[in-house]
Structure formats: structure tokens, C-alpha cells
Amino acid sequence: MVKRNVDPGTYANPGMPLIVIDSSDDGQWFEADIDSSLADVVRPGTRAVISIPGKGLNLETAITKVSERIDRGSMTFSILVDTGNAGLTPGEFGRIRITTGTVDKTLIPARAVIDLGGLRGVFTVNGKGLAEWRVVRTGNRWLCDKNANRCFPRETSAEKRQDASLFLEALAGVTPDEKIVVSNLDMVKEGCRIE
């Protein structure tokens, strides 16, 4: 038994689920509620990435089943994803990321952004190989998977700035073709040569 919806002695209406029973024979499924604005985009077979923070797991898969019913209270619909033999525990928390399109953004590693004199910026490398301090204005946070060459917006700031997969959107201050210093930042000064 995974979940008990009623206590002993409680009156139960016909059709009301009393308990939820888990069986490993049926495989492992990830269930998620998706915003109804994506109802025209999400279909069985749509590629998705399931992230399980507790296990540090990112599983690339496809959506197996999509409910046609939209919950009017939450304005969401349910999807099911077959996780195969990923070793998940029933009731474990996870997030699903579904690619709905692409956008062009200039992203810089979060670990490269430092504060100097109350200003946030990065050190870029000019044509002569010298470090130049550049004030930047940053926007949304993104988690990037370099192996899959994809990035996903990150709503919260729970990740550490040293996380190699965390990037910040550069709204102003740098251009996509510039080189940015990302390591040994405590030793870098304006005008020093970058090897």
C-alpha cells in the first residue's frame, strides 16, 4: 500500500478511492500535471527530461500517455511517462522538462559573474589577450545540459553559483562572440594577460 485516502470507520462514497496500491510488476511511471496552455503541444511521444533532485538523476524519455481531461480548478492536465528501470521510489519528487520551442539567448556561466565595487560583471578577453572588466546586466537563470546541447529555464535559485550547469542570461554588457574568463577569477585583474 502506498497511500490510504480514508481512516477506518470513515464513510466512503461510491467510486471514492480508498487506498492506492503499488505493484512493481506494472513498471515505473512518472505522473505530472501540466499547464493547460501546453495542451496543443504535448502529445504521446513528445521528448522530455525527468529530473529527480534527490538522486541527482536526469532521465531522457518520451511521454507515454496524455489525459484529454483538463482539471478546471488547477487548469492542468495529467501525463504519464514510463521510466523503465530507473530505480525510482514511489512518491519520490521530480520535475519534468518538455521542450516546446527554441529561443536565442546569450548565456554566461554563473560562476564567471563576480561583484566588484558593487557592480556585477565578468572579465572578457580582448583581441590582445588581455583581461577587460565588463559590467553585465543579467536576466533569468538557466540549467544547461552540454551533452544534449539544451538549456532549460530555472525558476528558483536553489543551485549554487559554482554549479557548472548553471548559466545566467546576459541582457547587456557582452556579445555572443566574446571570450569570458571562468576560472581563477581571484587572480584576474584588469589588463592582465590571459593564457
C-alpha atoms as a PDB file:
ATOM      1  CA  MET A   1       0.000   0.000   0.000  1.00  0.00           C
ATOM      2  CA  VAL A   2       1.353   3.431  -0.967  1.00  0.00           C
ATOM      3  CA  LYS A   3      -1.404   5.751   0.229  1.00  0.00           C
ATOM      4  CA  ARG A   4      -4.535   5.500   2.373  1.00  0.00           C
ATOM      5  CA  ASN A   5      -7.184   8.088   1.490  1.00  0.00           C
ATOM      6  CA  VAL A   6      -9.608   7.337   4.353  1.00  0.00           C
ATOM      7  CA  ASP A   7      -9.307   6.288   8.004  1.00  0.00           C
ATOM      8  CA  PRO A   8     -11.053   3.189   9.417  1.00  0.00           C
ATOM      9  CA  GLY A   9     -14.691   3.979  10.183  1.00  0.00           C
ATOM     10  CA  THR A  10     -14.909   6.864   7.719  1.00  0.00           C
ATOM     11  CA  TYR A  11     -17.982   6.933   5.475  1.00  0.00           C
ATOM     12  CA  ALA A  12     -16.944   6.364   1.851  1.00  0.00           C
ATOM     13  CA  ASN A  13     -18.977   7.456  -1.154  1.00  0.00           C
ATOM     14  CA  PRO A  14     -19.368   5.071  -4.116  1.00  0.00           C
ATOM     15  CA  GLY A  15     -16.484   5.470  -6.555  1.00  0.00           C
ATOM     16  CA  MET A  16     -14.220   7.123  -3.978  1.00  0.00           C
ATOM     17  CA  PRO A  17     -10.683   5.650  -3.990  1.00  0.00           C
ATOM     18  CA  LEU A  18      -9.856   4.186  -0.558  1.00  0.00           C
ATOM     19  CA  ILE A  19      -6.238   3.105  -0.957  1.00  0.00           C
ATOM     20  CA  VAL A  20      -3.513   3.228  -3.573  1.00  0.00           C
ATOM     21  CA  ILE A  21      -1.579   0.009  -4.096  1.00  0.00           C
ATOM     22  CA  ASP A  22       1.791  -0.100  -5.815  1.00  0.00           C
ATOM     23  CA  SER A  23       2.958  -3.022  -7.904  1.00  0.00           C
ATOM     24  CA  SER A  24       6.418  -3.225  -9.414  1.00  0.00           C
ATOM     25  CA  ASP A  25       5.021  -5.662 -11.994  1.00  0.00           C
ATOM     26  CA  ASP A  26       3.325  -2.754 -13.765  1.00  0.00           C
ATOM     27  CA  GLY A  27       6.636  -0.925 -14.309  1.00  0.00           C
ATOM     28  CA  GLN A  28       7.525   2.507 -13.021  1.00  0.00           C
ATOM     29  CA  TRP A  29       5.607   5.577 -14.097  1.00  0.00           C
ATOM     30  CA  PHE A  30       6.209   9.277 -13.568  1.00  0.00           C
ATOM     31  CA  GLU A  31       2.992  11.294 -13.334  1.00  0.00           C
ATOM     32  CA  ALA A  32       2.883  15.076 -13.677  1.00  0.00           C
ATOM     33  CA  ASP A  33       0.292  17.808 -14.038  1.00  0.00           C
ATOM     34  CA  ILE A  34       0.988  20.150 -16.955  1.00  0.00           C
ATOM     35  CA  ASP A  35      -0.376  23.664 -17.502  1.00  0.00           C
ATOM     36  CA  SER A  36      -3.345  23.625 -19.870  1.00  0.00           C
ATOM     37  CA  SER A  37      -1.668  26.202 -22.139  1.00  0.00           C
ATOM     38  CA  LEU A  38       0.546  23.325 -23.380  1.00  0.00           C
ATOM     39  CA  ALA A  39      -2.371  21.060 -24.320  1.00  0.00           C
ATOM     40  CA  ASP A  40      -1.813  21.613 -28.059  1.00  0.00           C
ATOM     41  CA  VAL A  41       1.943  20.946 -27.788  1.00  0.00           C
ATOM     42  CA  VAL A  42       2.211  17.895 -25.525  1.00  0.00           C
ATOM     43  CA  ARG A  43       1.399  14.582 -27.213  1.00  0.00           C
ATOM     44  CA  PRO A  44       2.367  10.940 -26.670  1.00  0.00           C
ATOM     45  CA  GLY A  45       5.915  10.600 -27.962  1.00  0.00           C
ATOM     46  CA  THR A  46       6.919  14.186 -27.075  1.00  0.00           C
ATOM     47  CA  ARG A  47      10.514  14.142 -25.803  1.00  0.00           C
ATOM     48  CA  ALA A  48      11.030  15.120 -22.170  1.00  0.00           C
ATOM     49  CA  VAL A  49      13.665  15.106 -19.432  1.00  0.00           C
ATOM     50  CA  ILE A  50      12.739  13.945 -15.924  1.00  0.00           C
ATOM     51  CA  SER A  51      14.900  15.344 -13.117  1.00  0.00           C
ATOM     52  CA  ILE A  52      14.923  13.640  -9.704  1.00  0.00           C
ATOM     53  CA  PRO A  53      16.925  16.001  -7.429  1.00  0.00           C
ATOM     54  CA  GLY A  54      17.077  13.517  -4.537  1.00  0.00           C
ATOM     55  CA  LYS A  55      19.020  11.050  -6.688  1.00  0.00           C
ATOM     56  CA  GLY A  56      20.789  13.504  -8.978  1.00  0.00           C
ATOM     57  CA  LEU A  57      19.105  11.749 -11.892  1.00  0.00           C
ATOM     58  CA  ASN A  58      18.244  13.225 -15.304  1.00  0.00           C
ATOM     59  CA  LEU A  59      16.341  10.754 -17.445  1.00  0.00           C
ATOM     60  CA  GLU A  60      15.670  11.435 -21.129  1.00  0.00           C
ATOM     61  CA  THR A  61      12.446   9.799 -22.226  1.00  0.00           C
ATOM     62  CA  ALA A  62       9.198  10.320 -24.110  1.00  0.00           C
ATOM     63  CA  ILE A  63       5.694  10.996 -22.835  1.00  0.00           C
ATOM     64  CA  THR A  64       3.641   7.810 -22.889  1.00  0.00           C
ATOM     65  CA  LYS A  65       0.089   8.935 -22.155  1.00  0.00           C
ATOM     66  CA  VAL A  66      -1.670  12.316 -22.134  1.00  0.00           C
ATOM     67  CA  SER A  67      -5.012  12.861 -20.422  1.00  0.00           C
ATOM     68  CA  GLU A  68      -7.618  14.691 -22.501  1.00  0.00           C
ATOM     69  CA  ARG A  69      -9.374  15.978 -19.368  1.00  0.00           C
ATOM     70  CA  ILE A  70      -8.376  19.413 -18.034  1.00  0.00           C
ATOM     71  CA  ASP A  71      -8.877  19.993 -14.316  1.00  0.00           C
ATOM     72  CA  ARG A  72     -10.912  23.209 -14.080  1.00  0.00           C
ATOM     73  CA  GLY A  73      -9.623  24.020 -10.583  1.00  0.00           C
ATOM     74  CA  SER A  74      -5.913  23.979 -11.376  1.00  0.00           C
ATOM     75  CA  MET A  75      -6.188  24.352 -15.177  1.00  0.00           C
ATOM     76  CA  THR A  76      -3.826  21.417 -15.657  1.00  0.00           C
ATOM     77  CA  PHE A  77      -3.926  18.028 -17.358  1.00  0.00           C
ATOM     78  CA  SER A  78      -2.059  14.840 -16.424  1.00  0.00           C
ATOM     79  CA  ILE A  79       0.636  12.986 -18.291  1.00  0.00           C
ATOM     80  CA  LEU A  80       2.296   9.620 -17.676  1.00  0.00           C
ATOM     81  CA  VAL A  81       5.874   8.750 -18.574  1.00  0.00           C
ATOM     82  CA  ASP A  82       7.265   5.217 -18.480  1.00  0.00           C
ATOM     83  CA  THR A  83      10.601   5.471 -16.611  1.00  0.00           C
ATOM     84  CA  GLY A  84      11.645   1.897 -17.331  1.00  0.00           C
ATOM     85  CA  ASN A  85      14.005   0.507 -14.688  1.00  0.00           C
ATOM     86  CA  ALA A  86      15.338   3.840 -13.416  1.00  0.00           C
ATOM     87  CA  GLY A  87      15.179   2.665  -9.786  1.00  0.00           C
ATOM     88  CA  LEU A  88      12.730   5.332  -8.623  1.00  0.00           C
ATOM     89  CA  THR A  89      10.865   5.097  -5.322  1.00  0.00           C
ATOM     90  CA  PRO A  90       7.049   5.543  -5.282  1.00  0.00           C
ATOM     91  CA  GLY A  91       6.144   9.062  -4.162  1.00  0.00           C
ATOM     92  CA  GLU A  92       9.564  10.486  -4.996  1.00  0.00           C
ATOM     93  CA  PHE A  93       9.662  14.161  -6.038  1.00  0.00           C
ATOM     94  CA  GLY A  94      10.723  15.092  -9.541  1.00  0.00           C
ATOM     95  CA  ARG A  95      10.341  17.663 -12.302  1.00  0.00           C
ATOM     96  CA  ILE A  96       9.660  17.130 -15.970  1.00  0.00           C
ATOM     97  CA  ARG A  97      11.008  19.433 -18.651  1.00  0.00           C
ATOM     98  CA  ILE A  98       9.374  19.474 -22.043  1.00  0.00           C
ATOM     99  CA  THR A  99      10.897  21.318 -24.980  1.00  0.00           C
ATOM    100  CA  THR A 100       8.168  23.433 -26.564  1.00  0.00           C
ATOM    101  CA  GLY A 101      10.370  25.564 -28.803  1.00  0.00           C
ATOM    102  CA  THR A 102      13.699  27.299 -29.092  1.00  0.00           C
ATOM    103  CA  VAL A 103      14.911  30.843 -28.449  1.00  0.00           C
ATOM    104  CA  ASP A 104      18.246  32.554 -28.997  1.00  0.00           C
ATOM    105  CA  LYS A 105      19.846  33.783 -25.753  1.00  0.00           C
ATOM    106  CA  THR A 106      23.318  34.875 -24.734  1.00  0.00           C
ATOM    107  CA  LEU A 107      24.123  32.735 -21.701  1.00  0.00           C
ATOM    108  CA  ILE A 108      27.176  33.094 -19.475  1.00  0.00           C
ATOM    109  CA  PRO A 109      28.328  30.693 -16.763  1.00  0.00           C
ATOM    110  CA  ALA A 110      27.022  31.862 -13.376  1.00  0.00           C
ATOM    111  CA  ARG A 111      30.419  31.146 -11.806  1.00  0.00           C
ATOM    112  CA  ALA A 112      32.007  33.762 -14.134  1.00  0.00           C
ATOM    113  CA  VAL A 113      29.862  36.617 -12.784  1.00  0.00           C
ATOM    114  CA  ILE A 114      31.526  38.430  -9.878  1.00  0.00           C
ATOM    115  CA  ASP A 115      30.893  41.579  -7.840  1.00  0.00           C
ATOM    116  CA  LEU A 116      33.479  44.359  -7.972  1.00  0.00           C
ATOM    117  CA  GLY A 117      32.757  47.614  -6.178  1.00  0.00           C
ATOM    118  CA  GLY A 118      29.045  46.836  -6.033  1.00  0.00           C
ATOM    119  CA  LEU A 119      28.805  46.126  -9.763  1.00  0.00           C
ATOM    120  CA  ARG A 120      28.197  42.711 -11.280  1.00  0.00           C
ATOM    121  CA  GLY A 121      30.301  41.809 -14.245  1.00  0.00           C
ATOM    122  CA  VAL A 122      32.674  39.442 -15.990  1.00  0.00           C
ATOM    123  CA  PHE A 123      36.224  39.544 -17.258  1.00  0.00           C
ATOM    124  CA  THR A 124      36.364  39.248 -21.035  1.00  0.00           C
ATOM    125  CA  VAL A 125      39.473  38.597 -23.137  1.00  0.00           C
ATOM    126  CA  ASN A 126      40.201  41.257 -25.759  1.00  0.00           C
ATOM    127  CA  GLY A 127      41.973  40.749 -29.115  1.00  0.00           C
ATOM    128  CA  LYS A 128      45.388  41.234 -27.468  1.00  0.00           C
ATOM    129  CA  GLY A 129      44.743  38.508 -24.900  1.00  0.00           C
ATOM    130  CA  LEU A 130      44.259  40.962 -22.016  1.00  0.00           C
ATOM    131  CA  ALA A 131      41.508  40.839 -19.404  1.00  0.00           C
ATOM    132  CA  GLU A 132      38.870  43.577 -19.549  1.00  0.00           C
ATOM    133  CA  TRP A 133      36.284  44.154 -16.815  1.00  0.00           C
ATOM    134  CA  ARG A 134      32.794  44.331 -18.273  1.00  0.00           C
ATOM    135  CA  VAL A 135      29.664  45.276 -16.311  1.00  0.00           C
ATOM    136  CA  VAL A 136      26.776  42.992 -17.287  1.00  0.00           C
ATOM    137  CA  ARG A 137      23.057  43.021 -16.699  1.00  0.00           C
ATOM    138  CA  THR A 138      21.743  39.508 -16.141  1.00  0.00           C
ATOM    139  CA  GLY A 139      18.305  38.015 -16.502  1.00  0.00           C
ATOM    140  CA  ASN A 140      16.848  34.559 -15.974  1.00  0.00           C
ATOM    141  CA  ARG A 141      18.746  31.551 -14.686  1.00  0.00           C
ATOM    142  CA  TRP A 142      19.163  28.525 -16.954  1.00  0.00           C
ATOM    143  CA  LEU A 143      20.280  24.938 -16.402  1.00  0.00           C
ATOM    144  CA  CYS A 144      22.234  23.604 -19.351  1.00  0.00           C
ATOM    145  CA  ASP A 145      22.983  20.044 -20.361  1.00  0.00           C
ATOM    146  CA  LYS A 146      26.099  20.292 -22.524  1.00  0.00           C
ATOM    147  CA  ASN A 147      25.808  16.666 -23.668  1.00  0.00           C
ATOM    148  CA  ALA A 148      22.329  17.227 -25.091  1.00  0.00           C
ATOM    149  CA  ASN A 149      23.075  20.839 -26.136  1.00  0.00           C
ATOM    150  CA  ARG A 150      19.901  22.050 -24.410  1.00  0.00           C
ATOM    151  CA  CYS A 151      19.092  24.572 -21.696  1.00  0.00           C
ATOM    152  CA  PHE A 152      16.010  24.920 -19.533  1.00  0.00           C
ATOM    153  CA  PRO A 153      14.809  27.998 -17.633  1.00  0.00           C
ATOM    154  CA  ARG A 154      15.291  27.707 -13.876  1.00  0.00           C
ATOM    155  CA  GLU A 155      12.625  29.365 -11.742  1.00  0.00           C
ATOM    156  CA  THR A 156      14.369  29.145  -8.368  1.00  0.00           C
ATOM    157  CA  SER A 157      17.860  29.989  -7.190  1.00  0.00           C
ATOM    158  CA  ALA A 158      18.481  26.769  -5.265  1.00  0.00           C
ATOM    159  CA  GLU A 159      21.555  25.838  -7.292  1.00  0.00           C
ATOM    160  CA  LYS A 160      24.970  27.020  -6.177  1.00  0.00           C
ATOM    161  CA  ARG A 161      26.701  29.616  -8.337  1.00  0.00           C
ATOM    162  CA  GLN A 162      29.637  27.216  -8.739  1.00  0.00           C
ATOM    163  CA  ASP A 163      27.423  24.603 -10.411  1.00  0.00           C
ATOM    164  CA  ALA A 164      28.863  24.153 -13.918  1.00  0.00           C
ATOM    165  CA  SER A 165      25.396  23.622 -15.395  1.00  0.00           C
ATOM    166  CA  LEU A 166      24.006  26.953 -14.095  1.00  0.00           C
ATOM    167  CA  PHE A 167      24.028  29.850 -16.565  1.00  0.00           C
ATOM    168  CA  LEU A 168      22.688  33.402 -16.498  1.00  0.00           C
ATOM    169  CA  GLU A 169      21.093  35.211 -19.392  1.00  0.00           C
ATOM    170  CA  ALA A 170      23.221  38.216 -20.399  1.00  0.00           C
ATOM    171  CA  LEU A 171      20.830  41.048 -21.254  1.00  0.00           C
ATOM    172  CA  ALA A 172      23.566  43.671 -21.756  1.00  0.00           C
ATOM    173  CA  GLY A 173      27.319  44.001 -21.484  1.00  0.00           C
ATOM    174  CA  VAL A 174      28.630  41.091 -23.572  1.00  0.00           C
ATOM    175  CA  THR A 175      28.062  39.681 -27.029  1.00  0.00           C
ATOM    176  CA  PRO A 176      27.873  36.007 -28.023  1.00  0.00           C
ATOM    177  CA  ASP A 177      31.282  36.010 -29.770  1.00  0.00           C
ATOM    178  CA  GLU A 178      33.301  37.268 -26.761  1.00  0.00           C
ATOM    179  CA  LYS A 179      35.525  35.059 -24.614  1.00  0.00           C
ATOM    180  CA  ILE A 180      34.808  35.131 -20.876  1.00  0.00           C
ATOM    181  CA  VAL A 181      37.157  34.160 -18.061  1.00  0.00           C
ATOM    182  CA  VAL A 182      35.541  31.432 -15.920  1.00  0.00           C
ATOM    183  CA  SER A 183      38.346  30.140 -13.679  1.00  0.00           C
ATOM    184  CA  ASN A 184      40.940  31.564 -11.265  1.00  0.00           C
ATOM    185  CA  LEU A 185      38.869  34.746 -11.024  1.00  0.00           C
ATOM    186  CA  ASP A 186      40.515  35.722  -7.724  1.00  0.00           C
ATOM    187  CA  MET A 187      43.831  36.130  -9.619  1.00  0.00           C
ATOM    188  CA  VAL A 188      42.456  38.076 -12.616  1.00  0.00           C
ATOM    189  CA  LYS A 189      42.903  41.869 -12.742  1.00  0.00           C
ATOM    190  CA  GLU A 190      42.083  44.451 -15.416  1.00  0.00           C
ATOM    191  CA  GLY A 191      44.784  44.377 -18.117  1.00  0.00           C
ATOM    192  CA  CYS A 192      46.485  41.134 -17.058  1.00  0.00           C
ATOM    193  CA  ARG A 193      47.391  38.643 -19.766  1.00  0.00           C
ATOM    194  CA  ILE A 194      45.119  35.602 -20.048  1.00  0.00           C
ATOM    195  CA  GLU A 195      46.871  32.412 -21.125  1.00  0.00           C
END
